[in-house]
Structure formats: structure tokens, C-alpha cells
Amino acid sequence: RIADTLRPARRQVLVLEGHAFAGEADEPGADRRLAFERALAVRRHLVERRSFPAERVEARAWLVELDGRPDNRAVDARLITPQEQER
């Protein structure tokens, strides 16, 4: 429902951060992969079904330590405007 509010405007990039608890998955390294897969699933939906420009939507992984929060199996989204490098 909020997809259109996340659509990158001129020069913006949408950063999607998939979350997973450290130790959530059984295999070593699978936690980071699980977090990335969550962000990638949202990216895929936005690009394929909502026609977002693929080059302006990034998926990333974010691991969190178990800290008593009941659930952190989510994907955060934020729009950023990259700074141009000085030449």
C-alpha cells in the first residue's frame, strides 16, 4: 500500500534493508543471506510489479543481536540522495 510513497524521485535511490537475528538460521552465514533474501523479495516486487527503476533500488542485509525484541523479521526502506563526488 505504501509503494508509491517509496518511488525514487530524481537522483534518489531506495535502500531496502532486510533484517534477521544473528543466530536465527541454522547454517553459518545463513543469517546474512536470510536478511538479504528478505530485502531482495521486496526489491523484486517493486521492480517487477510496480515498475520501479531497477538501477535505483538496492537490497542490503542487516543483522541484529538478540536483544529482547519480539520480532525483527522485517525490511526497512529509506530514500537517499547520493552526493556527487567532486572532480
PDB file of N, CA and C in Angstrom:
ATOM      1  N   ARG A   1       0.797  -1.207   0.000  1.00  0.00           N
ATOM      2  CA  ARG A   1       0.000   0.000   0.000  1.00  0.00           C
ATOM      3  C   ARG A   1       0.835   1.266   0.000  1.00  0.00           C
ATOM      4  N   ILE A   2       2.051   1.191   0.466  1.00  0.00           N
ATOM      5  CA  ILE A   2       2.867   2.405   0.536  1.00  0.00           C
ATOM      6  C   ILE A   2       3.889   2.499  -0.592  1.00  0.00           C
ATOM      7  N   ALA A   3       3.836   1.585  -1.528  1.00  0.00           N
ATOM      8  CA  ALA A   3       4.850   1.520  -2.585  1.00  0.00           C
ATOM      9  C   ALA A   3       5.040   2.856  -3.292  1.00  0.00           C
ATOM     10  N   ASP A   4       3.978   3.530  -3.663  1.00  0.00           N
ATOM     11  CA  ASP A   4       4.135   4.776  -4.411  1.00  0.00           C
ATOM     12  C   ASP A   4       4.833   5.865  -3.613  1.00  0.00           C
ATOM     13  N   THR A   5       4.739   5.833  -2.293  1.00  0.00           N
ATOM     14  CA  THR A   5       5.446   6.834  -1.493  1.00  0.00           C
ATOM     15  C   THR A   5       6.944   6.536  -1.435  1.00  0.00           C
ATOM     16  N   LEU A   6       7.337   5.325  -1.805  1.00  0.00           N
ATOM     17  CA  LEU A   6       8.745   4.939  -1.787  1.00  0.00           C
ATOM     18  C   LEU A   6       9.425   5.078  -3.145  1.00  0.00           C
ATOM     19  N   ARG A   7       8.674   5.436  -4.163  1.00  0.00           N
ATOM     20  CA  ARG A   7       9.237   5.523  -5.511  1.00  0.00           C
ATOM     21  C   ARG A   7      10.333   6.594  -5.549  1.00  0.00           C
ATOM     22  N   PRO A   8      11.558   6.226  -5.984  1.00  0.00           N
ATOM     23  CA  PRO A   8      12.646   7.203  -6.022  1.00  0.00           C
ATOM     24  C   PRO A   8      12.349   8.335  -7.007  1.00  0.00           C
ATOM     25  N   ALA A   9      12.546   9.540  -6.541  1.00  0.00           N
ATOM     26  CA  ALA A   9      12.427  10.716  -7.403  1.00  0.00           C
ATOM     27  C   ALA A   9      13.783  10.955  -8.053  1.00  0.00           C
ATOM     28  N   ARG A  10      13.893  12.052  -8.747  1.00  0.00           N
ATOM     29  CA  ARG A  10      15.130  12.388  -9.454  1.00  0.00           C
ATOM     30  C   ARG A  10      16.364  12.227  -8.565  1.00  0.00           C
ATOM     31  N   ARG A  11      17.333  11.441  -9.024  1.00  0.00           N
ATOM     32  CA  ARG A  11      18.619  11.195  -8.361  1.00  0.00           C
ATOM     33  C   ARG A  11      18.519  10.420  -7.049  1.00  0.00           C
ATOM     34  N   GLN A  12      17.346  10.024  -6.588  1.00  0.00           N
ATOM     35  CA  GLN A  12      17.231   9.278  -5.345  1.00  0.00           C
ATOM     36  C   GLN A  12      17.429   7.781  -5.577  1.00  0.00           C
ATOM     37  N   VAL A  13      17.813   7.101  -4.503  1.00  0.00           N
ATOM     38  CA  VAL A  13      17.943   5.648  -4.501  1.00  0.00           C
ATOM     39  C   VAL A  13      17.126   5.131  -3.319  1.00  0.00           C
ATOM     40  N   LEU A  14      16.373   4.064  -3.548  1.00  0.00           N
ATOM     41  CA  LEU A  14      15.626   3.420  -2.474  1.00  0.00           C
ATOM     42  C   LEU A  14      16.495   2.301  -1.919  1.00  0.00           C
ATOM     43  N   VAL A  15      16.801   2.378  -0.631  1.00  0.00           N
ATOM     44  CA  VAL A  15      17.616   1.368   0.035  1.00  0.00           C
ATOM     45  C   VAL A  15      16.684   0.500   0.875  1.00  0.00           C
ATOM     46  N   LEU A  16      16.703  -0.793   0.612  1.00  0.00           N
ATOM     47  CA  LEU A  16      15.896  -1.758   1.356  1.00  0.00           C
ATOM     48  C   LEU A  16      16.841  -2.578   2.224  1.00  0.00           C
ATOM     49  N   GLU A  17      16.613  -2.579   3.539  1.00  0.00           N
ATOM     50  CA  GLU A  17      17.472  -3.309   4.464  1.00  0.00           C
ATOM     51  C   GLU A  17      16.685  -4.457   5.074  1.00  0.00           C
ATOM     52  N   GLY A  18      17.029  -5.674   4.663  1.00  0.00           N
ATOM     53  CA  GLY A  18      16.397  -6.856   5.239  1.00  0.00           C
ATOM     54  C   GLY A  18      17.040  -7.167   6.579  1.00  0.00           C
ATOM     55  N   HIS A  19      16.231  -7.533   7.546  1.00  0.00           N
ATOM     56  CA  HIS A  19      16.720  -7.819   8.895  1.00  0.00           C
ATOM     57  C   HIS A  19      16.613  -9.305   9.209  1.00  0.00           C
ATOM     58  N   ALA A  20      17.529  -9.777  10.024  1.00  0.00           N
ATOM     59  CA  ALA A  20      17.485 -11.123  10.578  1.00  0.00           C
ATOM     60  C   ALA A  20      18.243 -11.099  11.898  1.00  0.00           C
ATOM     61  N   PHE A  21      17.831 -11.927  12.821  1.00  0.00           N
ATOM     62  CA  PHE A  21      18.552 -12.056  14.077  1.00  0.00           C
ATOM     63  C   PHE A  21      19.822 -12.851  13.852  1.00  0.00           C
ATOM     64  N   ALA A  22      20.901 -12.443  14.491  1.00  0.00           N
ATOM     65  CA  ALA A  22      22.111 -13.254  14.470  1.00  0.00           C
ATOM     66  C   ALA A  22      21.772 -14.560  15.181  1.00  0.00           C
ATOM     67  N   GLY A  23      21.973 -15.675  14.506  1.00  0.00           N
ATOM     68  CA  GLY A  23      21.644 -16.973  15.087  1.00  0.00           C
ATOM     69  C   GLY A  23      20.256 -17.473  14.725  1.00  0.00           C
ATOM     70  N   GLU A  24      19.520 -16.723  13.902  1.00  0.00           N
ATOM     71  CA  GLU A  24      18.165 -17.127  13.516  1.00  0.00           C
ATOM     72  C   GLU A  24      18.170 -18.356  12.627  1.00  0.00           C
ATOM     73  N   ALA A  25      19.148 -18.449  11.725  1.00  0.00           N
ATOM     74  CA  ALA A  25      19.235 -19.580  10.801  1.00  0.00           C
ATOM     75  C   ALA A  25      20.204 -20.621  11.362  1.00  0.00           C
ATOM     76  N   ASP A  26      20.086 -21.850  10.892  1.00  0.00           N
ATOM     77  CA  ASP A  26      20.903 -22.945  11.415  1.00  0.00           C
ATOM     78  C   ASP A  26      22.311 -22.982  10.850  1.00  0.00           C
ATOM     79  N   GLU A  27      22.488 -22.651   9.584  1.00  0.00           N
ATOM     80  CA  GLU A  27      23.799 -22.743   8.938  1.00  0.00           C
ATOM     81  C   GLU A  27      24.644 -21.505   9.200  1.00  0.00           C
ATOM     82  N   PRO A  28      25.970 -21.670   9.271  1.00  0.00           N
ATOM     83  CA  PRO A  28      26.838 -20.492   9.388  1.00  0.00           C
ATOM     84  C   PRO A  28      26.681 -19.596   8.156  1.00  0.00           C
ATOM     85  N   GLY A  29      26.545 -18.313   8.367  1.00  0.00           N
ATOM     86  CA  GLY A  29      26.406 -17.368   7.268  1.00  0.00           C
ATOM     87  C   GLY A  29      24.994 -17.265   6.710  1.00  0.00           C
ATOM     88  N   ALA A  30      24.112 -18.143   7.127  1.00  0.00           N
ATOM     89  CA  ALA A  30      22.754 -18.139   6.590  1.00  0.00           C
ATOM     90  C   ALA A  30      21.943 -16.951   7.102  1.00  0.00           C
ATOM     91  N   ASP A  31      22.309 -16.399   8.248  1.00  0.00           N
ATOM     92  CA  ASP A  31      21.570 -15.247   8.794  1.00  0.00           C
ATOM     93  C   ASP A  31      21.650 -14.057   7.843  1.00  0.00           C
ATOM     94  N   ARG A  32      22.852 -13.755   7.389  1.00  0.00           N
ATOM     95  CA  ARG A  32      23.043 -12.631   6.472  1.00  0.00           C
ATOM     96  C   ARG A  32      22.312 -12.897   5.159  1.00  0.00           C
ATOM     97  N   ARG A  33      22.366 -14.127   4.692  1.00  0.00           N
ATOM     98  CA  ARG A  33      21.674 -14.492   3.454  1.00  0.00           C
ATOM     99  C   ARG A  33      20.160 -14.350   3.622  1.00  0.00           C
ATOM    100  N   LEU A  34      19.637 -14.762   4.785  1.00  0.00           N
ATOM    101  CA  LEU A  34      18.214 -14.638   5.073  1.00  0.00           C
ATOM    102  C   LEU A  34      17.791 -13.166   5.078  1.00  0.00           C
ATOM    103  N   ALA A  35      18.579 -12.311   5.706  1.00  0.00           N
ATOM    104  CA  ALA A  35      18.274 -10.882   5.732  1.00  0.00           C
ATOM    105  C   ALA A  35      18.277 -10.308   4.320  1.00  0.00           C
ATOM    106  N   PHE A  36      19.280 -10.692   3.523  1.00  0.00           N
ATOM    107  CA  PHE A  36      19.365 -10.206   2.146  1.00  0.00           C
ATOM    108  C   PHE A  36      18.192 -10.713   1.309  1.00  0.00           C
ATOM    109  N   GLU A  37      17.813 -11.974   1.481  1.00  0.00           N
ATOM    110  CA  GLU A  37      16.683 -12.538   0.725  1.00  0.00           C
ATOM    111  C   GLU A  37      15.389 -11.793   1.035  1.00  0.00           C
ATOM    112  N   ARG A  38      15.215 -11.363   2.266  1.00  0.00           N
ATOM    113  CA  ARG A  38      14.018 -10.589   2.620  1.00  0.00           C
ATOM    114  C   ARG A  38      13.987  -9.264   1.863  1.00  0.00           C
ATOM    115  N   ALA A  39      15.115  -8.570   1.838  1.00  0.00           N
ATOM    116  CA  ALA A  39      15.181  -7.297   1.115  1.00  0.00           C
ATOM    117  C   ALA A  39      15.040  -7.522  -0.386  1.00  0.00           C
ATOM    118  N   LEU A  40      15.643  -8.582  -0.881  1.00  0.00           N
ATOM    119  CA  LEU A  40      15.580  -8.890  -2.302  1.00  0.00           C
ATOM    120  C   LEU A  40      14.148  -9.198  -2.757  1.00  0.00           C
ATOM    121  N   ALA A  41      13.375  -9.858  -1.910  1.00  0.00           N
ATOM    122  CA  ALA A  41      11.980 -10.159  -2.248  1.00  0.00           C
ATOM    123  C   ALA A  41      11.166  -8.877  -2.400  1.00  0.00           C
ATOM    124  N   VAL A  42      11.390  -7.904  -1.522  1.00  0.00           N
ATOM    125  CA  VAL A  42      10.689  -6.626  -1.629  1.00  0.00           C
ATOM    126  C   VAL A  42      11.162  -5.884  -2.881  1.00  0.00           C
ATOM    127  N   ARG A  43      12.473  -5.901  -3.135  1.00  0.00           N
ATOM    128  CA  ARG A  43      13.013  -5.251  -4.336  1.00  0.00           C
ATOM    129  C   ARG A  43      12.388  -5.853  -5.587  1.00  0.00           C
ATOM    130  N   ARG A  44      12.350  -7.170  -5.646  1.00  0.00           N
ATOM    131  CA  ARG A  44      11.784  -7.861  -6.806  1.00  0.00           C
ATOM    132  C   ARG A  44      10.330  -7.435  -7.042  1.00  0.00           C
ATOM    133  N   HIS A  45       9.564  -7.351  -5.970  1.00  0.00           N
ATOM    134  CA  HIS A  45       8.161  -6.927  -6.091  1.00  0.00           C
ATOM    135  C   HIS A  45       8.065  -5.505  -6.647  1.00  0.00           C
ATOM    136  N   LEU A  46       8.863  -4.601  -6.103  1.00  0.00           N
ATOM    137  CA  LEU A  46       8.795  -3.204  -6.527  1.00  0.00           C
ATOM    138  C   LEU A  46       9.238  -3.028  -7.980  1.00  0.00           C
ATOM    139  N   VAL A  47      10.253  -3.768  -8.395  1.00  0.00           N
ATOM    140  CA  VAL A  47      10.759  -3.648  -9.768  1.00  0.00           C
ATOM    141  C   VAL A  47       9.827  -4.340 -10.762  1.00  0.00           C
ATOM    142  N   GLU A  48       9.426  -5.567 -10.451  1.00  0.00           N
ATOM    143  CA  GLU A  48       8.633  -6.345 -11.404  1.00  0.00           C
ATOM    144  C   GLU A  48       7.153  -5.973 -11.429  1.00  0.00           C
ATOM    145  N   ARG A  49       6.601  -5.693 -10.280  1.00  0.00           N
ATOM    146  CA  ARG A  49       5.157  -5.451 -10.227  1.00  0.00           C
ATOM    147  C   ARG A  49       4.772  -3.978 -10.161  1.00  0.00           C
ATOM    148  N   ARG A  50       5.694  -3.136  -9.677  1.00  0.00           N
ATOM    149  CA  ARG A  50       5.393  -1.715  -9.510  1.00  0.00           C
ATOM    150  C   ARG A  50       6.202  -0.834 -10.437  1.00  0.00           C
ATOM    151  N   SER A  51       7.016  -1.451 -11.309  1.00  0.00           N
ATOM    152  CA  SER A  51       7.807  -0.751 -12.326  1.00  0.00           C
ATOM    153  C   SER A  51       8.774   0.288 -11.757  1.00  0.00           C
ATOM    154  N   PHE A  52       9.370  -0.029 -10.609  1.00  0.00           N
ATOM    155  CA  PHE A  52      10.417   0.842 -10.083  1.00  0.00           C
ATOM    156  C   PHE A  52      11.656   0.647 -10.941  1.00  0.00           C
ATOM    157  N   PRO A  53      12.470   1.688 -11.133  1.00  0.00           N
ATOM    158  CA  PRO A  53      13.704   1.532 -11.922  1.00  0.00           C
ATOM    159  C   PRO A  53      14.710   0.656 -11.151  1.00  0.00           C
ATOM    160  N   ALA A  54      15.070  -0.476 -11.717  1.00  0.00           N
ATOM    161  CA  ALA A  54      15.922  -1.453 -11.035  1.00  0.00           C
ATOM    162  C   ALA A  54      17.251  -0.856 -10.572  1.00  0.00           C
ATOM    163  N   GLU A  55      17.816   0.047 -11.371  1.00  0.00           N
ATOM    164  CA  GLU A  55      19.109   0.618 -11.021  1.00  0.00           C
ATOM    165  C   GLU A  55      19.025   1.593  -9.845  1.00  0.00           C
ATOM    166  N   ARG A  56      17.814   1.892  -9.384  1.00  0.00           N
ATOM    167  CA  ARG A  56      17.657   2.838  -8.267  1.00  0.00           C
ATOM    168  C   ARG A  56      17.009   2.208  -7.047  1.00  0.00           C
ATOM    169  N   VAL A  57      17.058   0.865  -6.969  1.00  0.00           N
ATOM    170  CA  VAL A  57      16.546   0.151  -5.792  1.00  0.00           C
ATOM    171  C   VAL A  57      17.616  -0.845  -5.360  1.00  0.00           C
ATOM    172  N   GLU A  58      18.144  -0.684  -4.139  1.00  0.00           N
ATOM    173  CA  GLU A  58      19.210  -1.536  -3.619  1.00  0.00           C
ATOM    174  C   GLU A  58      18.695  -2.400  -2.480  1.00  0.00           C
ATOM    175  N   ALA A  59      19.098  -3.664  -2.474  1.00  0.00           N
ATOM    176  CA  ALA A  59      18.779  -4.576  -1.375  1.00  0.00           C
ATOM    177  C   ALA A  59      20.041  -4.789  -0.553  1.00  0.00           C
ATOM    178  N   ARG A  60      19.886  -4.741   0.769  1.00  0.00           N
ATOM    179  CA  ARG A  60      21.017  -4.938   1.678  1.00  0.00           C
ATOM    180  C   ARG A  60      20.597  -5.829   2.836  1.00  0.00           C
ATOM    181  N   ALA A  61      21.579  -6.410   3.515  1.00  0.00           N
ATOM    182  CA  ALA A  61      21.330  -7.247   4.687  1.00  0.00           C
ATOM    183  C   ALA A  61      21.732  -6.493   5.947  1.00  0.00           C
ATOM    184  N   TRP A  62      20.998  -6.740   7.021  1.00  0.00           N
ATOM    185  CA  TRP A  62      21.297  -6.102   8.294  1.00  0.00           C
ATOM    186  C   TRP A  62      21.050  -7.118   9.391  1.00  0.00           C
ATOM    187  N   LEU A  63      22.095  -7.484  10.129  1.00  0.00           N
ATOM    188  CA  LEU A  63      21.952  -8.436  11.224  1.00  0.00           C
ATOM    189  C   LEU A  63      21.832  -7.692  12.535  1.00  0.00           C
ATOM    190  N   VAL A  64      21.003  -8.197  13.421  1.00  0.00           N
ATOM    191  CA  VAL A  64      20.854  -7.605  14.748  1.00  0.00           C
ATOM    192  C   VAL A  64      21.081  -8.697  15.787  1.00  0.00           C
ATOM    193  N   GLU A  65      21.633  -8.295  16.904  1.00  0.00           N
ATOM    194  CA  GLU A  65      21.809  -9.240  18.001  1.00  0.00           C
ATOM    195  C   GLU A  65      20.467  -9.428  18.693  1.00  0.00           C
ATOM    196  N   LEU A  66      20.255 -10.610  19.241  1.00  0.00           N
ATOM    197  CA  LEU A  66      19.032 -10.827  20.017  1.00  0.00           C
ATOM    198  C   LEU A  66      19.072  -9.902  21.228  1.00  0.00           C
ATOM    199  N   ASP A  67      18.113  -9.024  21.324  1.00  0.00           N
ATOM    200  CA  ASP A  67      18.140  -8.035  22.401  1.00  0.00           C
ATOM    201  C   ASP A  67      16.784  -7.918  23.089  1.00  0.00           C
ATOM    202  N   GLY A  68      16.004  -8.955  23.032  1.00  0.00           N
ATOM    203  CA  GLY A  68      14.726  -8.939  23.727  1.00  0.00           C
ATOM    204  C   GLY A  68      13.564  -8.452  22.892  1.00  0.00           C
ATOM    205  N   ARG A  69      13.835  -7.937  21.698  1.00  0.00           N
ATOM    206  CA  ARG A  69      12.724  -7.521  20.849  1.00  0.00           C
ATOM    207  C   ARG A  69      11.982  -8.754  20.367  1.00  0.00           C
ATOM    208  N   PRO A  70      10.661  -8.728  20.335  1.00  0.00           N
ATOM    209  CA  PRO A  70       9.898  -9.921  19.975  1.00  0.00           C
ATOM    210  C   PRO A  70      10.078 -10.362  18.527  1.00  0.00           C
ATOM    211  N   ASP A  71      10.265  -9.436  17.616  1.00  0.00           N
ATOM    212  CA  ASP A  71      10.354  -9.826  16.216  1.00  0.00           C
ATOM    213  C   ASP A  71      11.054  -8.734  15.423  1.00  0.00           C
ATOM    214  N   ASN A  72      12.032  -9.121  14.666  1.00  0.00           N
ATOM    215  CA  ASN A  72      12.691  -8.167  13.791  1.00  0.00           C
ATOM    216  C   ASN A  72      12.913  -8.804  12.432  1.00  0.00           C
ATOM    217  N   ARG A  73      11.905  -9.478  11.932  1.00  0.00           N
ATOM    218  CA  ARG A  73      11.973 -10.111  10.618  1.00  0.00           C
ATOM    219  C   ARG A  73      11.287  -9.194   9.622  1.00  0.00           C
ATOM    220  N   ALA A  74      11.901  -8.067   9.392  1.00  0.00           N
ATOM    221  CA  ALA A  74      11.267  -7.035   8.581  1.00  0.00           C
ATOM    222  C   ALA A  74      12.235  -6.511   7.545  1.00  0.00           C
ATOM    223  N   VAL A  75      11.733  -5.609   6.722  1.00  0.00           N
ATOM    224  CA  VAL A  75      12.557  -4.892   5.759  1.00  0.00           C
ATOM    225  C   VAL A  75      12.287  -3.409   5.956  1.00  0.00           C
ATOM    226  N   ASP A  76      13.337  -2.667   6.237  1.00  0.00           N
ATOM    227  CA  ASP A  76      13.233  -1.213   6.348  1.00  0.00           C
ATOM    228  C   ASP A  76      13.508  -0.602   4.988  1.00  0.00           C
ATOM    229  N   ALA A  77      12.880   0.538   4.719  1.00  0.00           N
ATOM    230  CA  ALA A  77      13.069   1.223   3.442  1.00  0.00           C
ATOM    231  C   ALA A  77      13.353   2.694   3.710  1.00  0.00           C
ATOM    232  N   ARG A  78      14.304   3.232   2.955  1.00  0.00           N
ATOM    233  CA  ARG A  78      14.568   4.673   3.057  1.00  0.00           C
ATOM    234  C   ARG A  78      15.066   5.189   1.722  1.00  0.00           C
ATOM    235  N   LEU A  79      14.676   6.387   1.425  1.00  0.00           N
ATOM    236  CA  LEU A  79      15.139   7.058   0.208  1.00  0.00           C
ATOM    237  C   LEU A  79      16.356   7.894   0.548  1.00  0.00           C
ATOM    238  N   ILE A  80      17.379   7.777  -0.275  1.00  0.00           N
ATOM    239  CA  ILE A  80      18.577   8.589  -0.074  1.00  0.00           C
ATOM    240  C   ILE A  80      18.902   9.306  -1.380  1.00  0.00           C
ATOM    241  N   THR A  81      19.601  10.413  -1.248  1.00  0.00           N
ATOM    242  CA  THR A  81      20.111  11.133  -2.418  1.00  0.00           C
ATOM    243  C   THR A  81      21.625  11.118  -2.322  1.00  0.00           C
ATOM    244  N   PRO A  82      22.288  10.293  -3.125  1.00  0.00           N
ATOM    245  CA  PRO A  82      23.747  10.231  -3.075  1.00  0.00           C
ATOM    246  C   PRO A  82      24.374  11.582  -3.416  1.00  0.00           C
ATOM    247  N   GLN A  83      25.450  11.900  -2.732  1.00  0.00           N
ATOM    248  CA  GLN A  83      26.193  13.122  -3.021  1.00  0.00           C
ATOM    249  C   GLN A  83      27.062  12.892  -4.244  1.00  0.00           C
ATOM    250  N   GLU A  84      27.146  13.884  -5.091  1.00  0.00           N
ATOM    251  CA  GLU A  84      28.030  13.776  -6.249  1.00  0.00           C
ATOM    252  C   GLU A  84      29.457  13.998  -5.792  1.00  0.00           C
ATOM    253  N   GLN A  85      30.373  13.215  -6.358  1.00  0.00           N
ATOM    254  CA  GLN A  85      31.784  13.322  -5.995  1.00  0.00           C
ATOM    255  C   GLN A  85      32.396  14.534  -6.691  1.00  0.00           C
ATOM    256  N   GLU A  86      33.281  15.188  -5.943  1.00  0.00           N
ATOM    257  CA  GLU A  86      33.999  16.308  -6.540  1.00  0.00           C
ATOM    258  C   GLU A  86      35.053  15.767  -7.483  1.00  0.00           C
ATOM    259  N   ARG A  87      35.290  16.463  -8.558  1.00  0.00           N
ATOM    260  CA  ARG A  87      36.276  16.010  -9.544  1.00  0.00           C
ATOM    261  C   ARG A  87      37.533  16.800  -9.460  1.00  0.00           C
TER     262      ARG A  87
END
